[in-house]
Amino acid sequence: MWILRRDDLFAPGLVGLGFPAERLIQVCARDEAEALAVAEDALSTPGVAAVFAEVEAVSLTAGRRLQLACEKRGATGFVIRRRPYGGKARAGAGSAAASRWRVAPAASEPEPGEFGLGPPRWAVTLERCRGGRTGAWLFEAGDAFTYEASDGTHPLRLVAPLGDLQLAPAQPLRRAG
């Protein structure tokens, strides 16, 4: 289920990513309160696998209610912080979410020796992770333009360096002996 405040979701674009459009339910909510109420009800409904709710902000109380609804039926809830009619979203407050991600478009780069646009890229930042570490990555959909609509997976490549310099040992390990 996708709950939005303005009717601008391009379902055929989701099909290109392997999402079965015939299983998508779109709900256009009047305001923030209705969007959150519909999301909570949907997450508590048997048979709903995932709910995407486009809202501007979520209070701690509303976030906790959504979390409890997810735990009740095992569905996954995504809150997409988006202003209903454009503009910049305000800074995030605390939340009851297990994790908080920021996904933004990144400049594409063509293959070496090529010109023009390269594969689509996204700058992904894990801002909060209960019991884990935060981080930032650059992802690329290497074969995005050759995929056909199917039920297969569509992998993303990690473009950023893999090594975490804070965890790397300062000197090579030596054997005692």
Foldseek 3Di string as FASTA:
>chain_A
DEEAQDPDDDLVVVLLQQDDSVPDDYHHDPAQVRQLVVLLVLLQDPPAAEYEGEALAADQVSQVSNVVSCVNHVHYYHYHRDDRPDDDRDDYDDYPDQWDKDKDWDAADPDPPDDDGAFTKIWMWTPHHVPDDTDIWIWGQHPSPPGDRDNDHRDIDTDDDDDDVVPDDPDDDDDDD
